[in-house]
N, C-alpha and C. Protein backbone atom coordinates (compact mmCIF):
# COMPACT_ATOMS: atom_id res chain seq x y z
N UNK A 1 -20.03 58.95 39.45
CA UNK A 1 -21.31 57.54 39.20
C UNK A 1 -20.59 57.00 37.38
N UNK A 2 -20.45 58.25 36.61
CA UNK A 2 -20.28 57.47 35.61
C UNK A 2 -18.78 56.87 35.74
N UNK A 3 -18.02 57.44 36.52
CA UNK A 3 -16.54 56.80 36.57
C UNK A 3 -16.73 55.07 36.54
N UNK A 4 -17.71 54.83 37.41
CA UNK A 4 -18.53 53.34 38.05
C UNK A 4 -18.88 52.99 37.26
N UNK A 5 -19.53 53.35 36.06
CA UNK A 5 -20.28 52.91 35.05
C UNK A 5 -18.95 52.46 33.65
N UNK A 6 -17.77 53.11 33.86
CA UNK A 6 -16.70 52.76 33.04
C UNK A 6 -16.07 51.76 33.31
N UNK A 7 -16.14 51.86 34.66
CA UNK A 7 -14.95 51.04 35.45
C UNK A 7 -15.71 49.42 35.50
N UNK A 8 -17.03 49.24 35.61
CA UNK A 8 -17.91 48.49 35.22
C UNK A 8 -18.06 47.35 33.11
N UNK A 9 -17.93 48.98 32.20
CA UNK A 9 -17.99 48.55 31.70
C UNK A 9 -17.31 48.27 30.70
N UNK A 10 -15.96 48.53 31.01
CA UNK A 10 -14.04 47.56 30.47
C UNK A 10 -14.13 46.46 30.40
N UNK A 11 -14.56 45.88 31.61
CA UNK A 11 -14.01 44.06 32.47
C UNK A 11 -15.64 43.36 30.83
N UNK A 12 -16.51 44.60 31.20
CA UNK A 12 -17.65 43.65 30.49
C UNK A 12 -17.17 43.91 28.40
N UNK A 13 -16.71 44.68 28.84
CA UNK A 13 -16.72 44.33 26.79
C UNK A 13 -15.86 43.81 26.66
N UNK A 14 -14.43 43.77 27.76
CA UNK A 14 -13.23 43.28 26.85
C UNK A 14 -13.47 41.38 26.65
N UNK A 15 -14.44 41.39 28.06
CA UNK A 15 -14.96 39.85 28.19
C UNK A 15 -15.78 39.56 26.76
N UNK A 16 -16.50 40.82 26.41
CA UNK A 16 -17.79 40.59 25.08
C UNK A 16 -16.37 40.15 23.55
N UNK A 17 -15.74 40.93 23.66
CA UNK A 17 -14.44 40.97 22.58
C UNK A 17 -14.00 39.53 22.74
N UNK A 18 -13.33 39.31 23.78
CA UNK A 18 -12.64 37.78 23.84
C UNK A 18 -13.96 36.62 23.47
N UNK A 19 -14.56 37.04 23.81
CA UNK A 19 -15.69 36.13 23.18
C UNK A 19 -16.41 35.58 22.17
N UNK A 20 -16.34 36.88 21.38
CA UNK A 20 -16.55 36.90 19.81
C UNK A 20 -15.01 36.11 19.56
N UNK A 21 -13.99 36.76 19.37
CA UNK A 21 -12.80 36.42 19.00
C UNK A 21 -13.23 34.29 18.75
N UNK A 22 -13.65 34.15 20.11
CA UNK A 22 -13.44 32.61 20.42
C UNK A 22 -14.76 32.16 19.08
N UNK A 23 -15.64 33.23 19.66
CA UNK A 23 -16.17 31.82 18.46
C UNK A 23 -15.92 32.44 17.13
N UNK A 24 -15.35 33.34 16.09
CA UNK A 24 -15.01 33.48 15.44
C UNK A 24 -13.79 32.30 14.99
N UNK A 25 -13.13 32.07 15.91
CA UNK A 25 -11.96 31.40 15.73
C UNK A 25 -12.47 29.81 15.51
N UNK A 26 -13.11 29.65 16.35
CA UNK A 26 -14.23 28.30 16.34
C UNK A 26 -14.26 28.16 14.74
N UNK A 27 -15.41 29.07 14.73
CA UNK A 27 -15.79 28.91 12.99
C UNK A 27 -14.80 28.70 12.35
N UNK A 28 -14.18 29.42 12.15
CA UNK A 28 -12.65 29.36 11.34
C UNK A 28 -12.00 27.46 11.00
N UNK A 29 -12.00 27.16 12.53
CA UNK A 29 -11.58 26.06 12.94
C UNK A 29 -12.59 24.80 12.12
N UNK A 30 -13.38 25.20 12.65
CA UNK A 30 -14.88 23.99 11.39
C UNK A 30 -14.94 23.82 11.08
N UNK A 31 -14.41 25.38 9.52
CA UNK A 31 -14.68 25.25 8.30
C UNK A 31 -13.50 24.03 8.09
N UNK A 32 -12.58 24.13 8.63
CA UNK A 32 -11.46 23.10 7.84
C UNK A 32 -11.98 21.93 8.30
N UNK A 33 -12.18 21.73 9.16
CA UNK A 33 -12.50 20.02 10.48
C UNK A 33 -13.96 19.23 9.83
N UNK A 34 -15.24 20.09 9.14
CA UNK A 34 -16.02 19.69 9.64
C UNK A 34 -16.32 18.01 9.09
N UNK A 35 -15.29 17.83 7.89
CA UNK A 35 -15.77 16.23 7.55
C UNK A 35 -14.94 15.22 8.27
N UNK A 36 -14.10 15.77 9.28
CA UNK A 36 -13.15 14.93 10.07
C UNK A 36 -13.73 13.61 10.64
N UNK A 37 -15.38 14.67 11.89
CA UNK A 37 -15.76 13.58 12.19
C UNK A 37 -16.72 12.83 11.80
N UNK A 38 -17.39 12.91 10.29
CA UNK A 38 -18.46 12.43 9.65
C UNK A 38 -17.46 11.54 9.04
N UNK A 39 -16.47 11.10 8.44
CA UNK A 39 -15.27 10.45 7.77
C UNK A 39 -14.76 9.22 8.86
N UNK A 40 -14.51 9.80 9.98
CA UNK A 40 -14.62 8.75 10.78
C UNK A 40 -15.60 8.07 11.04
N UNK A 41 -16.78 8.33 11.73
CA UNK A 41 -17.70 7.84 11.72
C UNK A 41 -17.95 7.14 11.05
N UNK A 42 -18.31 7.27 9.92
CA UNK A 42 -18.65 6.58 8.75
C UNK A 42 -17.63 5.10 8.12
N UNK A 43 -16.55 5.48 8.42
CA UNK A 43 -15.54 4.98 8.90
C UNK A 43 -15.63 3.37 9.08
N UNK A 44 -15.95 3.88 10.63
CA UNK A 44 -16.37 2.60 11.64
C UNK A 44 -17.92 1.58 11.12
N UNK A 45 -18.35 2.60 10.24
CA UNK A 45 -19.59 1.29 9.87
C UNK A 45 -19.04 1.00 8.32
N UNK A 46 -17.84 0.89 7.98
CA UNK A 46 -17.32 0.12 6.94
C UNK A 46 -17.60 1.08 5.75
N UNK A 47 -17.72 2.18 5.40
CA UNK A 47 -17.55 3.26 4.67
C UNK A 47 -16.75 3.61 4.43
N UNK A 48 -15.87 3.78 2.88
CA UNK A 48 -14.59 4.48 2.34
C UNK A 48 -15.09 5.52 1.81
N UNK A 49 -13.61 6.60 2.14
CA UNK A 49 -13.68 8.04 1.57
C UNK A 49 -13.75 7.88 0.09
N UNK A 50 -14.64 8.38 -1.04
CA UNK A 50 -13.92 8.35 -2.06
C UNK A 50 -13.73 9.40 -2.87
N UNK A 51 -14.35 10.90 -2.69
CA UNK A 51 -14.01 11.63 -3.20
C UNK A 51 -14.28 13.08 -1.93
N UNK A 52 -13.70 14.07 -2.31
CA UNK A 52 -13.50 14.95 -1.73
C UNK A 52 -13.12 16.28 -2.60
N UNK A 53 -14.18 17.65 -2.32
CA UNK A 53 -14.54 18.43 -2.79
C UNK A 53 -13.70 20.08 -2.38
N UNK A 54 -12.92 20.86 -2.34
CA UNK A 54 -12.93 21.79 -1.90
C UNK A 54 -12.91 22.83 -2.50
N UNK A 55 -13.89 24.34 -2.53
CA UNK A 55 -13.68 25.18 -2.68
C UNK A 55 -12.99 26.34 -1.52
N UNK A 56 -13.47 27.46 -2.00
CA UNK A 56 -13.32 28.32 -1.77
C UNK A 56 -13.76 29.61 -1.46
N UNK A 57 -13.78 30.99 -0.35
CA UNK A 57 -15.09 31.44 -0.59
C UNK A 57 -14.17 33.18 -0.54
N UNK A 58 -14.86 34.16 -1.66
CA UNK A 58 -14.49 35.27 -2.05
C UNK A 58 -14.76 36.25 -1.10
N UNK A 59 -15.34 36.29 -0.49
CA UNK A 59 -15.40 36.73 1.11
C UNK A 59 -13.82 36.45 1.87
N UNK A 60 -13.52 35.72 2.43
CA UNK A 60 -12.05 35.03 2.69
C UNK A 60 -11.02 34.65 2.21
N UNK A 61 -10.52 35.86 2.00
CA UNK A 61 -9.12 35.90 0.72
C UNK A 61 -8.36 34.74 1.35
N UNK A 62 -8.16 34.24 2.13
CA UNK A 62 -7.00 32.83 2.68
C UNK A 62 -7.57 32.01 2.06
N UNK A 63 -9.30 31.42 2.01
CA UNK A 63 -8.98 30.43 1.48
C UNK A 63 -9.16 30.08 -0.36
N UNK A 64 -8.64 30.83 -1.27
CA UNK A 64 -7.87 30.45 -2.27
C UNK A 64 -6.89 29.74 -2.09
N UNK A 65 -6.13 30.04 -1.85
CA UNK A 65 -4.94 29.67 -1.18
C UNK A 65 -4.56 28.46 -0.07
N UNK A 66 -5.95 28.52 0.18
CA UNK A 66 -6.21 27.66 1.33
C UNK A 66 -7.09 26.67 1.05
N UNK A 67 -7.97 25.40 -0.12
CA UNK A 67 -9.54 25.96 0.14
C UNK A 67 -9.66 24.72 0.94
N UNK A 68 -10.99 24.98 1.29
CA UNK A 68 -11.50 23.91 2.57
C UNK A 68 -12.41 23.03 1.71
N UNK A 69 -12.62 22.17 2.54
CA UNK A 69 -13.50 20.32 1.91
C UNK A 69 -14.47 21.03 1.78
N UNK A 70 -15.87 21.18 0.67
CA UNK A 70 -17.02 21.35 0.57
C UNK A 70 -17.69 20.67 0.80
N UNK A 71 -17.18 19.66 0.28
CA UNK A 71 -18.34 18.12 -0.52
C UNK A 71 -17.77 17.05 -0.61
N UNK A 72 -17.52 16.00 -0.01
CA UNK A 72 -17.39 14.59 0.30
C UNK A 72 -18.62 13.28 0.33
N UNK A 73 -18.13 12.68 -0.54
CA UNK A 73 -18.51 11.46 -1.10
C UNK A 73 -18.21 10.16 -0.26
N UNK A 74 -19.10 9.48 0.45
CA UNK A 74 -18.68 7.15 1.01
C UNK A 74 -18.74 6.91 0.54
N UNK A 75 -18.46 5.40 -0.04
CA UNK A 75 -18.76 4.32 -0.10
C UNK A 75 -18.72 3.18 0.38
N UNK A 76 -20.34 2.55 0.33
CA UNK A 76 -19.72 0.95 1.29
C UNK A 76 -19.04 -0.20 -0.02
N UNK A 77 -17.99 -0.90 0.44
CA UNK A 77 -17.25 -1.46 -0.59
C UNK A 77 -18.29 -2.68 -0.44
N UNK A 78 -19.44 -3.18 0.29
CA UNK A 78 -20.07 -4.08 -0.18
C UNK A 78 -20.84 -3.89 -0.77
N UNK A 79 -21.29 -3.22 -0.79
CA UNK A 79 -22.10 -2.60 -1.99
C UNK A 79 -22.07 -2.87 -3.37
N UNK A 80 -20.73 -2.68 -3.74
CA UNK A 80 -20.57 -1.88 -4.87
C UNK A 80 -21.13 -3.98 -6.10
N UNK A 81 -21.39 -3.60 -7.10
CA UNK A 81 -22.19 -4.30 -7.81
C UNK A 81 -21.94 -4.22 -9.15
N UNK A 82 -22.15 -5.59 -9.91
CA UNK A 82 -22.23 -4.75 -11.55
C UNK A 82 -23.80 -4.73 -11.96
N UNK A 83 -24.35 -3.62 -12.27
CA UNK A 83 -25.21 -3.37 -13.09
C UNK A 83 -25.54 -3.21 -14.19
N UNK A 84 -25.92 -3.85 -15.27
CA UNK A 84 -26.50 -3.65 -16.53
C UNK A 84 -24.60 -3.70 -17.29
N UNK A 85 -24.35 -2.93 -17.90
CA UNK A 85 -22.82 -2.50 -18.31
C UNK A 85 -22.77 -1.88 -17.49
N UNK A 86 -22.41 -1.57 -16.31
CA UNK A 86 -22.15 -0.67 -15.56
C UNK A 86 -21.94 -0.40 -14.26
N UNK A 87 -21.52 -0.27 -13.04
CA UNK A 87 -21.04 -0.55 -11.76
C UNK A 87 -22.12 0.20 -10.75
N UNK A 88 -22.91 -0.58 -10.44
CA UNK A 88 -23.62 0.10 -8.85
C UNK A 88 -23.08 0.10 -7.57
N UNK A 89 -23.41 1.30 -6.90
CA UNK A 89 -23.09 1.24 -5.56
C UNK A 89 -23.56 2.79 -4.78
N UNK A 90 -23.64 1.84 -3.34
CA UNK A 90 -24.35 2.65 -2.08
C UNK A 90 -23.42 3.92 -2.11
N UNK A 91 -23.72 5.13 -2.26
CA UNK A 91 -22.74 6.49 -1.70
C UNK A 91 -23.95 7.05 -1.19
N UNK A 92 -23.03 8.04 -0.10
CA UNK A 92 -23.81 8.73 0.88
C UNK A 92 -22.85 10.06 0.64
N UNK A 93 -23.28 11.14 0.21
CA UNK A 93 -22.53 12.46 0.28
C UNK A 93 -22.53 13.92 1.14
N UNK A 94 -21.81 14.50 1.79
CA UNK A 94 -21.80 15.50 2.46
C UNK A 94 -21.89 16.58 1.58
N UNK A 95 -22.75 17.58 1.93
CA UNK A 95 -22.45 18.47 1.87
C UNK A 95 -22.32 20.08 2.50
N UNK A 96 -21.32 20.91 2.51
CA UNK A 96 -21.40 21.66 3.71
C UNK A 96 -21.55 22.93 2.78
N UNK A 97 -22.64 24.08 3.10
CA UNK A 97 -22.94 25.27 2.21
C UNK A 97 -22.57 26.71 3.39
N UNK A 98 -22.65 27.53 2.41
CA UNK A 98 -21.97 28.52 3.23
C UNK A 98 -22.27 28.50 4.71
N UNK A 99 -23.32 28.67 5.10
CA UNK A 99 -24.37 28.99 6.40
C UNK A 99 -23.68 27.71 7.23
N UNK A 100 -22.77 26.87 6.98
CA UNK A 100 -22.18 25.82 7.60
C UNK A 100 -22.81 24.87 7.79
N UNK A 101 -24.61 24.42 7.47
CA UNK A 101 -24.35 23.32 7.79
C UNK A 101 -24.56 22.28 6.57
N UNK A 102 -24.47 21.37 7.39
CA UNK A 102 -23.81 19.97 6.71
C UNK A 102 -25.05 19.33 6.24
N UNK A 103 -25.65 19.03 4.58
CA UNK A 103 -26.87 18.17 4.68
C UNK A 103 -26.14 16.93 3.95
N UNK A 104 -26.50 15.75 3.84
CA UNK A 104 -27.03 15.00 3.85
C UNK A 104 -27.40 14.04 2.64
N UNK A 105 -26.94 13.48 1.58
CA UNK A 105 -27.79 12.20 0.37
C UNK A 105 -27.51 11.09 0.11
N UNK A 106 -27.93 10.50 0.85
CA UNK A 106 -27.94 8.41 0.51
C UNK A 106 -28.62 8.16 -1.03
N UNK A 107 -27.51 7.83 -1.72
CA UNK A 107 -28.08 7.10 -3.49
C UNK A 107 -27.53 5.96 -3.75
N UNK A 108 -28.04 5.16 -4.34
CA UNK A 108 -27.73 4.28 -5.21
C UNK A 108 -26.84 5.13 -6.69
N UNK A 109 -26.12 5.01 -6.97
CA UNK A 109 -25.34 5.55 -8.07
C UNK A 109 -24.82 4.51 -9.12
N UNK A 110 -24.48 4.79 -10.19
CA UNK A 110 -24.56 4.09 -11.19
C UNK A 110 -23.24 4.10 -11.94
N UNK A 111 -22.08 4.26 -12.18
CA UNK A 111 -20.48 4.19 -12.71
C UNK A 111 -20.54 3.82 -13.93
N UNK A 112 -20.70 5.02 -15.55
CA UNK A 112 -19.93 4.26 -16.19
C UNK A 112 -18.25 4.17 -16.63
N UNK A 113 -17.85 2.77 -16.49
CA UNK A 113 -16.02 3.51 -16.36
C UNK A 113 -15.87 3.74 -18.22
N UNK A 114 -16.77 3.29 -19.02
CA UNK A 114 -16.35 3.42 -20.68
C UNK A 114 -15.96 5.39 -20.50
N UNK A 115 -17.67 5.70 -20.48
CA UNK A 115 -17.96 7.34 -20.76
C UNK A 115 -17.21 7.73 -19.66
N UNK A 116 -16.46 7.09 -18.40
CA UNK A 116 -16.40 8.36 -17.72
C UNK A 116 -17.36 9.12 -17.01
N UNK A 117 -18.69 8.63 -16.98
CA UNK A 117 -20.10 9.44 -16.33
C UNK A 117 -20.77 8.69 -15.36
N UNK A 118 -21.63 9.49 -14.54
CA UNK A 118 -21.86 8.71 -13.40
C UNK A 118 -23.35 9.31 -13.89
N UNK A 119 -24.50 8.35 -13.02
CA UNK A 119 -25.77 9.36 -12.55
C UNK A 119 -26.20 8.48 -11.05
N UNK A 120 -27.63 8.97 -11.52
CA UNK A 120 -28.11 8.38 -9.41
C UNK A 120 -29.20 7.23 -10.59
N UNK A 121 -28.99 6.24 -9.80
CA UNK A 121 -30.46 5.50 -9.77
C UNK A 121 -31.49 5.36 -9.13
N UNK A 122 -31.25 5.58 -7.62
CA UNK A 122 -31.70 5.56 -6.41
C UNK A 122 -31.76 6.27 -5.41
N UNK A 123 -33.17 7.31 -5.20
CA UNK A 123 -32.37 7.81 -3.40
C UNK A 123 -33.51 7.84 -2.56
N UNK A 124 -33.82 8.68 -1.94
CA UNK A 124 -34.83 8.43 -0.96
C UNK A 124 -36.09 8.83 -1.56
N UNK A 125 -35.73 10.02 -2.62
CA UNK A 125 -36.95 9.97 -3.36
C UNK A 125 -37.75 9.22 -4.70
N UNK A 126 -37.04 8.34 -5.14
CA UNK A 126 -37.53 7.39 -6.51
C UNK A 126 -36.86 6.47 -6.87
N UNK A 127 -37.23 5.91 -7.30
CA UNK A 127 -36.33 5.49 -8.37
C UNK A 127 -36.08 5.88 -9.94
N UNK A 128 -34.87 5.77 -10.49
CA UNK A 128 -34.71 6.35 -11.71
C UNK A 128 -34.50 5.55 -13.26
N UNK A 129 -34.23 4.53 -13.02
CA UNK A 129 -34.02 3.98 -14.15
C UNK A 129 -34.54 4.35 -15.21
N UNK A 130 -35.95 4.63 -15.43
CA UNK A 130 -36.53 4.70 -16.30
C UNK A 130 -36.40 5.88 -16.88
N UNK A 131 -35.95 6.69 -16.55
CA UNK A 131 -35.30 8.16 -16.46
C UNK A 131 -33.70 8.10 -16.71
N UNK A 132 -32.95 7.06 -16.93
CA UNK A 132 -31.52 7.97 -16.93
C UNK A 132 -31.06 6.57 -18.13
N UNK A 133 -31.75 5.11 -18.23
CA UNK A 133 -32.02 4.78 -19.23
C UNK A 133 -32.58 4.92 -20.30
N UNK A 134 -32.79 4.62 -21.95
CA UNK A 134 -34.14 3.77 -22.55
C UNK A 134 -34.38 2.47 -22.34
N UNK A 135 -35.59 2.46 -22.33
CA UNK A 135 -36.00 0.96 -22.65
C UNK A 135 -34.60 -0.35 -23.51
N UNK A 136 -33.88 0.39 -24.56
CA UNK A 136 -32.47 -0.51 -25.06
C UNK A 136 -31.87 0.03 -24.40
N UNK A 137 -31.61 0.23 -23.31
CA UNK A 137 -30.54 0.10 -22.24
C UNK A 137 -29.31 1.67 -23.04
N UNK A 138 -29.77 1.98 -23.16
CA UNK A 138 -28.63 3.26 -24.08
C UNK A 138 -29.11 4.51 -22.70
N UNK A 139 -28.26 5.32 -22.53
CA UNK A 139 -28.37 6.46 -21.01
C UNK A 139 -28.67 7.45 -22.20
N UNK A 140 -29.55 8.30 -21.35
CA UNK A 140 -29.84 9.45 -21.60
C UNK A 140 -29.04 10.34 -20.95
N UNK A 141 -28.27 11.39 -22.15
CA UNK A 141 -27.75 12.40 -21.39
C UNK A 141 -28.08 13.15 -20.55
N UNK A 142 -28.93 13.73 -20.10
CA UNK A 142 -28.91 14.83 -19.64
C UNK A 142 -29.22 13.92 -18.61
N UNK A 143 -29.61 12.63 -18.09
CA UNK A 143 -29.52 12.43 -16.55
C UNK A 143 -27.75 11.95 -16.39
N UNK A 144 -26.66 11.94 -17.00
CA UNK A 144 -25.43 11.30 -16.65
C UNK A 144 -24.41 12.73 -16.31
N UNK A 145 -23.67 12.74 -15.01
CA UNK A 145 -22.68 13.44 -15.34
C UNK A 145 -20.95 13.14 -15.46
N UNK A 146 -20.63 14.09 -15.74
CA UNK A 146 -18.83 13.64 -15.38
C UNK A 146 -18.39 12.89 -14.29
N UNK A 147 -17.79 12.02 -14.54
CA UNK A 147 -16.73 11.45 -12.92
C UNK A 147 -16.07 12.19 -12.70
N UNK A 148 -15.69 12.52 -11.63
CA UNK A 148 -14.41 13.23 -11.11
C UNK A 148 -12.84 11.84 -10.93
N UNK A 149 -11.84 12.65 -11.26
CA UNK A 149 -10.97 11.92 -10.85
C UNK A 149 -10.71 10.68 -9.39
N UNK A 150 -11.27 11.52 -8.90
CA UNK A 150 -11.14 10.02 -7.41
C UNK A 150 -12.00 9.19 -7.40
N UNK A 151 -13.51 9.10 -8.11
CA UNK A 151 -14.39 9.00 -8.20
C UNK A 151 -14.20 7.16 -9.66
N UNK A 152 -13.06 8.35 -10.72
CA UNK A 152 -12.55 6.98 -12.07
C UNK A 152 -11.86 6.05 -11.07
N UNK A 153 -11.00 6.61 -10.35
CA UNK A 153 -9.83 5.40 -10.25
C UNK A 153 -10.54 4.53 -9.01
N UNK A 154 -11.32 5.07 -8.34
CA UNK A 154 -11.74 3.63 -7.39
C UNK A 154 -12.51 3.13 -7.83
N UNK A 155 -13.48 3.26 -8.43
CA UNK A 155 -14.32 2.27 -9.13
C UNK A 155 -13.83 1.97 -10.68
N UNK A 156 -13.41 2.74 -11.50
CA UNK A 156 -13.02 2.04 -12.56
C UNK A 156 -11.25 1.52 -12.65
N UNK A 157 -10.48 1.28 -11.73
CA UNK A 157 -8.61 0.98 -11.63
C UNK A 157 -8.48 0.05 -11.91
N UNK A 158 -9.76 -1.66 -11.84
CA UNK A 158 -9.48 -2.42 -11.98
C UNK A 158 -10.11 -3.24 -12.70
N UNK A 159 -11.08 -2.05 -13.97
CA UNK A 159 -12.08 -2.75 -14.73
C UNK A 159 -11.50 -2.17 -16.35
N UNK A 160 -11.40 -3.37 -16.93
CA UNK A 160 -11.01 -3.05 -18.57
C UNK A 160 -12.45 -2.71 -19.56
N UNK A 161 -12.04 -1.66 -20.00
CA UNK A 161 -12.50 -1.07 -20.60
C UNK A 161 -12.59 -1.46 -21.81
N UNK A 162 -13.79 -1.51 -22.32
CA UNK A 162 -13.72 -2.23 -23.66
C UNK A 162 -14.66 -1.25 -24.35
N UNK A 163 -13.55 -0.83 -26.00
CA UNK A 163 -13.87 0.44 -26.45
C UNK A 163 -14.03 0.78 -27.98
């Protein structure tokens, strides 16, 4: 009786091991490819990729040498307009967290090319003009963040900045 059970269990355990290996491999591949489908779909809607952030996971040593994309930001070129002394644009960002879940964040962003800062003007929660700008038009610094080089290159390359 024991030999019959072992004869039955060996292929079952081997099959489960193969299935587990396939799931792990698929998870690793998805870690490096999750953004590709989103960018392709958004490109079809007229959006362009303007920023990509890569990261690594300490528990997965090879990611230190071969980092994966953790965040992407896209813009629709038709939405880029002047707004006061800034450039405003509709952007959408996608983040992939440690659990593999992808979240999106559409919003209107202000770009200040002179100081290389960026702030959220509006999102699905509301409009923030009174928080990010004082009544005299001066920036409220705590709501402005450093613009990364990719965004600076995209939005400010043809803008003549007065110093």
